[in-house]
């Protein structure tokens, strides 16, 4: 069955860095677009970054220039390098896999989706990132 397992979260001071990883299994990794989402306490889930099978990337305005999404198709692993972290980056970060690449990109860029539409098919369990 499909599994997305995030790791690499933790606590860091403002200005610091973390690298999140997402190990995928149970499906053909290269067939899906991949993304990172986050959810802070009391807030809605928001898209952070997306990458397609060709390596094209998209980012939320709030993380542009600070976060970098990448993937290793040979290892079926997605990464998120987060630099210059800010307290407002504190959230649970989720890895996502999607066949709906346009919707995934829209969600990352903060654009609304059609009613009932989801940006991804599969989600990880999340990893906590705390910036103080």
N, C-alpha and C. Protein backbone atom coordinates (compact mmCIF):
# COMPACT_ATOMS: atom_id res chain seq x y z
N UNK A 1 0.84 -1.18 0.00
CA UNK A 1 0.00 0.00 0.00
C UNK A 1 0.88 1.24 0.00
N UNK A 2 0.27 2.38 -0.33
CA UNK A 2 1.02 3.62 -0.44
C UNK A 2 1.43 4.14 0.93
N UNK A 3 2.69 4.53 1.02
CA UNK A 3 3.18 5.15 2.25
C UNK A 3 4.03 6.36 1.91
N UNK A 4 3.79 7.44 2.63
CA UNK A 4 4.64 8.62 2.59
C UNK A 4 5.07 8.89 4.02
N UNK A 5 6.36 8.81 4.26
CA UNK A 5 6.88 8.95 5.62
C UNK A 5 7.84 10.11 5.69
N UNK A 6 7.42 11.15 6.42
CA UNK A 6 8.26 12.34 6.57
C UNK A 6 9.24 12.17 7.73
N UNK A 7 10.35 12.86 7.63
CA UNK A 7 11.33 12.91 8.71
C UNK A 7 12.12 14.20 8.59
N UNK A 8 12.86 14.52 9.65
CA UNK A 8 13.74 15.69 9.61
C UNK A 8 13.22 16.90 10.33
N UNK A 9 11.99 16.82 10.85
CA UNK A 9 11.48 17.95 11.61
C UNK A 9 12.21 18.11 12.93
N UNK A 10 11.92 19.22 13.60
CA UNK A 10 12.54 19.46 14.90
C UNK A 10 12.38 20.90 15.31
N UNK A 11 13.14 21.28 16.32
CA UNK A 11 13.12 22.64 16.84
C UNK A 11 14.40 23.36 16.45
N UNK A 12 14.25 24.60 16.02
CA UNK A 12 15.41 25.38 15.56
C UNK A 12 15.17 26.84 15.89
N UNK A 13 16.23 27.57 16.05
CA UNK A 13 16.10 29.00 16.28
C UNK A 13 15.89 29.74 14.97
N UNK A 14 15.27 30.89 15.07
CA UNK A 14 15.05 31.72 13.89
C UNK A 14 16.38 31.97 13.17
N UNK A 15 16.32 31.86 11.85
CA UNK A 15 17.52 32.00 11.05
C UNK A 15 18.21 30.69 10.75
N UNK A 16 17.78 29.64 11.42
CA UNK A 16 18.39 28.34 11.23
C UNK A 16 17.82 27.59 10.04
N UNK A 17 18.28 26.35 9.87
CA UNK A 17 17.88 25.53 8.72
C UNK A 17 17.46 24.15 9.16
N UNK A 18 16.60 23.55 8.36
CA UNK A 18 16.22 22.16 8.52
C UNK A 18 16.02 21.57 7.13
N UNK A 19 16.21 20.26 7.04
CA UNK A 19 15.94 19.56 5.79
C UNK A 19 14.96 18.44 6.06
N UNK A 20 13.79 18.53 5.45
CA UNK A 20 12.78 17.50 5.58
C UNK A 20 12.95 16.47 4.46
N UNK A 21 12.64 15.24 4.79
CA UNK A 21 12.65 14.17 3.80
C UNK A 21 11.30 13.46 3.82
N UNK A 22 10.93 12.90 2.68
CA UNK A 22 9.69 12.12 2.57
C UNK A 22 10.00 10.88 1.75
N UNK A 23 9.96 9.74 2.40
CA UNK A 23 10.22 8.47 1.71
C UNK A 23 8.90 7.90 1.23
N UNK A 24 8.82 7.65 -0.07
CA UNK A 24 7.58 7.17 -0.69
C UNK A 24 7.71 5.71 -1.08
N UNK A 25 6.62 4.99 -0.95
CA UNK A 25 6.60 3.59 -1.36
C UNK A 25 5.18 3.17 -1.72
N UNK A 26 5.07 2.06 -2.47
CA UNK A 26 3.77 1.51 -2.77
C UNK A 26 3.12 2.04 -4.04
N UNK A 27 3.83 2.87 -4.80
CA UNK A 27 3.29 3.38 -6.06
C UNK A 27 4.46 3.80 -6.94
N UNK A 28 4.15 4.10 -8.19
CA UNK A 28 5.19 4.51 -9.13
C UNK A 28 5.51 5.98 -8.89
N UNK A 29 6.59 6.21 -8.16
CA UNK A 29 6.92 7.55 -7.69
C UNK A 29 6.98 8.57 -8.83
N UNK A 30 7.63 8.19 -9.92
CA UNK A 30 7.87 9.16 -11.00
C UNK A 30 6.61 9.55 -11.75
N UNK A 31 5.52 8.85 -11.50
CA UNK A 31 4.27 9.17 -12.19
C UNK A 31 3.50 10.30 -11.51
N UNK A 32 3.92 10.65 -10.31
CA UNK A 32 3.19 11.62 -9.51
C UNK A 32 3.96 12.92 -9.36
N UNK A 33 3.23 14.01 -9.24
CA UNK A 33 3.80 15.27 -8.77
C UNK A 33 3.84 15.19 -7.25
N UNK A 34 4.81 15.84 -6.67
CA UNK A 34 5.00 15.79 -5.22
C UNK A 34 4.96 17.19 -4.64
N UNK A 35 4.53 17.27 -3.41
CA UNK A 35 4.46 18.58 -2.79
C UNK A 35 4.61 18.54 -1.29
N UNK A 36 4.84 19.70 -0.71
CA UNK A 36 4.87 19.89 0.73
C UNK A 36 3.78 20.87 1.12
N UNK A 37 3.05 20.54 2.16
CA UNK A 37 2.04 21.40 2.75
C UNK A 37 2.38 21.56 4.22
N UNK A 38 1.76 22.55 4.85
CA UNK A 38 1.94 22.72 6.28
C UNK A 38 0.65 23.23 6.91
N UNK A 39 0.54 22.94 8.19
CA UNK A 39 -0.62 23.42 8.94
C UNK A 39 -0.17 23.84 10.32
N UNK A 40 -0.39 25.11 10.61
CA UNK A 40 -0.07 25.66 11.92
C UNK A 40 -1.31 25.55 12.81
N UNK A 41 -1.13 25.54 14.13
CA UNK A 41 -2.28 25.45 15.04
C UNK A 41 -3.29 26.55 14.78
N UNK A 42 -4.56 26.15 14.64
CA UNK A 42 -5.62 27.12 14.43
C UNK A 42 -5.71 27.69 13.04
N UNK A 43 -4.87 27.19 12.14
CA UNK A 43 -4.88 27.70 10.77
C UNK A 43 -5.20 26.58 9.78
N UNK A 44 -5.61 26.98 8.59
CA UNK A 44 -5.88 26.00 7.55
C UNK A 44 -4.57 25.50 6.95
N UNK A 45 -4.64 24.32 6.38
CA UNK A 45 -3.50 23.77 5.65
C UNK A 45 -3.15 24.68 4.48
N UNK A 46 -1.87 24.87 4.24
CA UNK A 46 -1.44 25.69 3.11
C UNK A 46 -0.32 24.99 2.35
N UNK A 47 -0.30 25.23 1.06
CA UNK A 47 0.74 24.66 0.23
C UNK A 47 2.04 25.40 0.43
N UNK A 48 3.14 24.67 0.33
CA UNK A 48 4.47 25.25 0.51
C UNK A 48 5.27 25.18 -0.78
N UNK A 49 5.36 23.99 -1.36
CA UNK A 49 6.18 23.82 -2.56
C UNK A 49 5.72 22.57 -3.31
N UNK A 50 5.97 22.57 -4.62
CA UNK A 50 5.61 21.43 -5.45
C UNK A 50 6.69 21.19 -6.49
N UNK A 51 6.78 19.93 -6.92
CA UNK A 51 7.73 19.57 -7.97
C UNK A 51 7.11 18.51 -8.84
N UNK A 52 7.30 18.62 -10.16
CA UNK A 52 6.72 17.60 -11.04
C UNK A 52 7.82 16.64 -11.49
N UNK A 53 7.42 15.68 -12.32
CA UNK A 53 8.35 14.63 -12.71
C UNK A 53 9.52 15.15 -13.54
N UNK A 54 9.32 16.32 -14.16
CA UNK A 54 10.41 16.93 -14.94
C UNK A 54 11.32 17.81 -14.11
N UNK A 55 10.94 17.98 -12.83
CA UNK A 55 11.76 18.81 -11.95
C UNK A 55 11.33 20.26 -11.88
N UNK A 56 10.25 20.63 -12.56
CA UNK A 56 9.74 21.99 -12.46
C UNK A 56 9.17 22.21 -11.07
N UNK A 57 9.46 23.38 -10.50
CA UNK A 57 9.07 23.65 -9.12
C UNK A 57 8.16 24.87 -9.01
N UNK A 58 7.38 24.87 -7.93
CA UNK A 58 6.52 26.00 -7.60
C UNK A 58 6.61 26.23 -6.10
N UNK A 59 6.47 27.48 -5.68
CA UNK A 59 6.58 27.80 -4.26
C UNK A 59 5.51 28.81 -3.85
N UNK A 60 5.12 28.71 -2.60
CA UNK A 60 4.30 29.74 -2.00
C UNK A 60 5.15 31.00 -1.85
N UNK A 61 4.51 32.15 -1.99
CA UNK A 61 5.25 33.41 -1.89
C UNK A 61 5.98 33.53 -0.56
N UNK A 62 5.40 32.98 0.49
CA UNK A 62 5.96 33.14 1.83
C UNK A 62 7.29 32.41 2.01
N UNK A 63 7.60 31.47 1.13
CA UNK A 63 8.84 30.69 1.29
C UNK A 63 9.81 30.86 0.14
N UNK A 64 9.42 31.61 -0.89
CA UNK A 64 10.30 31.79 -2.04
C UNK A 64 11.63 32.40 -1.60
N UNK A 65 12.71 31.83 -2.11
CA UNK A 65 14.03 32.32 -1.78
C UNK A 65 14.60 31.73 -0.50
N UNK A 66 13.77 31.03 0.26
CA UNK A 66 14.24 30.43 1.52
C UNK A 66 14.15 28.91 1.49
N UNK A 67 13.12 28.36 0.85
CA UNK A 67 12.91 26.92 0.79
C UNK A 67 13.22 26.40 -0.60
N UNK A 68 13.73 25.18 -0.67
CA UNK A 68 14.00 24.52 -1.94
C UNK A 68 13.46 23.10 -1.91
N UNK A 69 12.61 22.77 -2.87
CA UNK A 69 12.08 21.42 -2.99
C UNK A 69 12.92 20.67 -4.02
N UNK A 70 13.19 19.40 -3.72
CA UNK A 70 13.94 18.58 -4.66
C UNK A 70 13.53 17.12 -4.46
N UNK A 71 13.97 16.27 -5.36
CA UNK A 71 13.63 14.86 -5.23
C UNK A 71 14.72 14.00 -5.83
N UNK A 72 14.80 12.79 -5.33
CA UNK A 72 15.71 11.78 -5.86
C UNK A 72 14.84 10.63 -6.33
N UNK A 73 14.58 10.58 -7.63
CA UNK A 73 13.69 9.56 -8.16
C UNK A 73 14.23 8.14 -7.94
N UNK A 74 15.54 8.00 -7.92
CA UNK A 74 16.13 6.68 -7.71
C UNK A 74 15.86 6.17 -6.30
N UNK A 75 15.70 7.10 -5.37
CA UNK A 75 15.43 6.72 -3.98
C UNK A 75 13.97 6.91 -3.58
N UNK A 76 13.14 7.36 -4.54
CA UNK A 76 11.73 7.64 -4.23
C UNK A 76 11.60 8.54 -3.01
N UNK A 77 12.39 9.58 -3.01
CA UNK A 77 12.43 10.45 -1.84
C UNK A 77 12.31 11.91 -2.26
N UNK A 78 11.50 12.62 -1.51
CA UNK A 78 11.26 14.05 -1.69
C UNK A 78 11.94 14.79 -0.56
N UNK A 79 12.45 15.99 -0.87
CA UNK A 79 13.13 16.79 0.15
C UNK A 79 12.58 18.20 0.18
N UNK A 80 12.76 18.84 1.33
CA UNK A 80 12.48 20.27 1.45
C UNK A 80 13.60 20.87 2.30
N UNK A 81 14.46 21.63 1.65
CA UNK A 81 15.50 22.35 2.37
C UNK A 81 14.94 23.69 2.79
N UNK A 82 14.97 23.94 4.09
CA UNK A 82 14.39 25.16 4.63
C UNK A 82 15.50 25.97 5.29
N UNK A 83 15.76 27.14 4.75
CA UNK A 83 16.78 28.04 5.27
C UNK A 83 16.14 29.31 5.80
N UNK A 84 16.90 30.03 6.61
CA UNK A 84 16.43 31.29 7.18
C UNK A 84 15.02 31.14 7.76
N UNK A 85 14.85 30.13 8.57
CA UNK A 85 13.54 29.84 9.13
C UNK A 85 13.06 30.96 10.04
N UNK A 86 11.74 31.17 10.02
CA UNK A 86 11.11 32.22 10.81
C UNK A 86 10.09 31.57 11.75
N UNK A 87 9.76 32.25 12.85
CA UNK A 87 8.75 31.68 13.76
C UNK A 87 7.44 31.36 13.04
N UNK A 88 7.08 32.12 12.03
CA UNK A 88 5.83 31.86 11.31
C UNK A 88 5.89 30.61 10.43
N UNK A 89 7.06 30.00 10.32
CA UNK A 89 7.17 28.72 9.62
C UNK A 89 6.82 27.54 10.53
N UNK A 90 6.59 27.81 11.79
CA UNK A 90 6.22 26.74 12.73
C UNK A 90 4.91 26.10 12.30
N UNK A 91 4.94 24.78 12.12
CA UNK A 91 3.76 24.05 11.64
C UNK A 91 4.10 22.57 11.58
N UNK A 92 3.07 21.77 11.34
CA UNK A 92 3.28 20.39 10.95
C UNK A 92 3.38 20.37 9.43
N UNK A 93 4.44 19.75 8.92
CA UNK A 93 4.69 19.71 7.49
C UNK A 93 4.32 18.33 6.96
N UNK A 94 3.56 18.35 5.86
CA UNK A 94 3.07 17.12 5.26
C UNK A 94 3.59 16.97 3.84
N UNK A 95 3.96 15.76 3.52
CA UNK A 95 4.33 15.38 2.16
C UNK A 95 3.08 14.92 1.44
N UNK A 96 2.98 15.20 0.13
CA UNK A 96 1.80 14.81 -0.63
C UNK A 96 2.19 14.35 -2.02
N UNK A 97 1.43 13.38 -2.53
CA UNK A 97 1.64 12.87 -3.88
C UNK A 97 0.36 13.05 -4.67
N UNK A 98 0.49 13.54 -5.89
CA UNK A 98 -0.71 13.89 -6.65
C UNK A 98 -0.57 13.54 -8.12
N UNK A 99 -1.67 13.06 -8.71
CA UNK A 99 -1.76 12.92 -10.15
C UNK A 99 -2.39 14.17 -10.76
N UNK A 100 -2.89 15.03 -9.89
CA UNK A 100 -3.52 16.27 -10.36
C UNK A 100 -2.49 17.40 -10.24
N UNK A 101 -1.51 17.36 -11.10
CA UNK A 101 -0.42 18.32 -10.98
C UNK A 101 -0.89 19.78 -11.05
N UNK A 102 -1.79 20.14 -11.97
CA UNK A 102 -2.23 21.54 -12.00
C UNK A 102 -2.88 21.97 -10.69
N UNK A 103 -3.68 21.08 -10.10
CA UNK A 103 -4.34 21.42 -8.83
C UNK A 103 -3.32 21.52 -7.71
N UNK A 104 -2.31 20.68 -7.74
CA UNK A 104 -1.27 20.74 -6.71
C UNK A 104 -0.55 22.09 -6.78
N UNK A 105 -0.23 22.52 -7.99
CA UNK A 105 0.46 23.80 -8.16
C UNK A 105 -0.45 24.96 -7.72
N UNK A 106 -1.71 24.90 -8.09
CA UNK A 106 -2.64 25.94 -7.67
C UNK A 106 -2.70 26.04 -6.15
N UNK A 107 -2.77 24.89 -5.50
CA UNK A 107 -2.85 24.88 -4.04
C UNK A 107 -1.58 25.47 -3.42
N UNK A 108 -0.43 25.16 -3.99
CA UNK A 108 0.83 25.69 -3.47
C UNK A 108 0.89 27.20 -3.67
N UNK A 109 0.36 27.65 -4.78
CA UNK A 109 0.41 29.09 -5.09
C UNK A 109 -0.72 29.86 -4.42
N UNK A 110 -1.54 29.15 -3.62
CA UNK A 110 -2.57 29.83 -2.86
C UNK A 110 -3.83 30.13 -3.63
N UNK A 111 -3.99 29.50 -4.77
CA UNK A 111 -5.19 29.71 -5.57
C UNK A 111 -6.28 28.73 -5.14
N UNK A 112 -7.54 29.13 -5.21
CA UNK A 112 -8.62 28.23 -4.81
C UNK A 112 -8.83 27.10 -5.81
N UNK A 113 -9.22 25.96 -5.28
CA UNK A 113 -9.59 24.83 -6.13
C UNK A 113 -11.11 24.78 -6.28
N UNK A 114 -11.58 23.99 -7.24
CA UNK A 114 -13.01 23.80 -7.40
C UNK A 114 -13.57 23.09 -6.17
N UNK A 115 -14.84 23.31 -5.83
CA UNK A 115 -15.45 22.66 -4.66
C UNK A 115 -15.27 21.15 -4.70
N UNK A 116 -14.81 20.58 -3.61
CA UNK A 116 -14.62 19.14 -3.52
C UNK A 116 -13.32 18.64 -4.10
N UNK A 117 -12.58 19.50 -4.75
CA UNK A 117 -11.34 19.09 -5.39
C UNK A 117 -10.22 19.06 -4.35
N UNK A 118 -9.41 18.02 -4.39
CA UNK A 118 -8.28 17.89 -3.49
C UNK A 118 -6.98 18.01 -4.29
N UNK A 119 -5.98 18.62 -3.69
CA UNK A 119 -4.72 18.81 -4.44
C UNK A 119 -3.88 17.55 -4.54
N UNK A 120 -4.14 16.55 -3.70
CA UNK A 120 -3.28 15.37 -3.70
C UNK A 120 -4.08 14.10 -3.43
N UNK A 121 -3.52 12.99 -3.87
CA UNK A 121 -4.13 11.68 -3.64
C UNK A 121 -3.67 11.06 -2.31
N UNK A 122 -2.40 11.27 -2.02
CA UNK A 122 -1.83 10.61 -0.85
C UNK A 122 -1.11 11.65 0.03
N UNK A 123 -1.18 11.40 1.33
CA UNK A 123 -0.58 12.31 2.31
C UNK A 123 0.24 11.53 3.32
N UNK A 124 1.31 12.16 3.79
CA UNK A 124 2.06 11.58 4.89
C UNK A 124 1.43 11.94 6.22
N UNK A 125 2.04 11.46 7.28
CA UNK A 125 1.49 11.68 8.62
C UNK A 125 1.94 12.99 9.24
N UNK A 126 2.94 13.61 8.64
CA UNK A 126 3.39 14.92 9.10
C UNK A 126 4.59 14.87 10.01
N UNK A 127 5.36 15.96 10.00
CA UNK A 127 6.50 16.11 10.90
C UNK A 127 6.49 17.55 11.42
N UNK A 128 6.72 17.68 12.72
CA UNK A 128 6.61 19.00 13.37
C UNK A 128 7.89 19.81 13.15
N UNK A 129 7.69 21.06 12.78
CA UNK A 129 8.79 22.02 12.69
C UNK A 129 8.45 23.18 13.62
N UNK A 130 9.34 23.47 14.54
CA UNK A 130 9.13 24.55 15.49
C UNK A 130 10.29 25.52 15.41
N UNK A 131 9.97 26.79 15.17
CA UNK A 131 11.00 27.83 15.05
C UNK A 131 10.77 28.87 16.14
N UNK A 132 11.79 29.10 16.95
CA UNK A 132 11.62 30.05 18.05
C UNK A 132 12.64 31.19 17.98
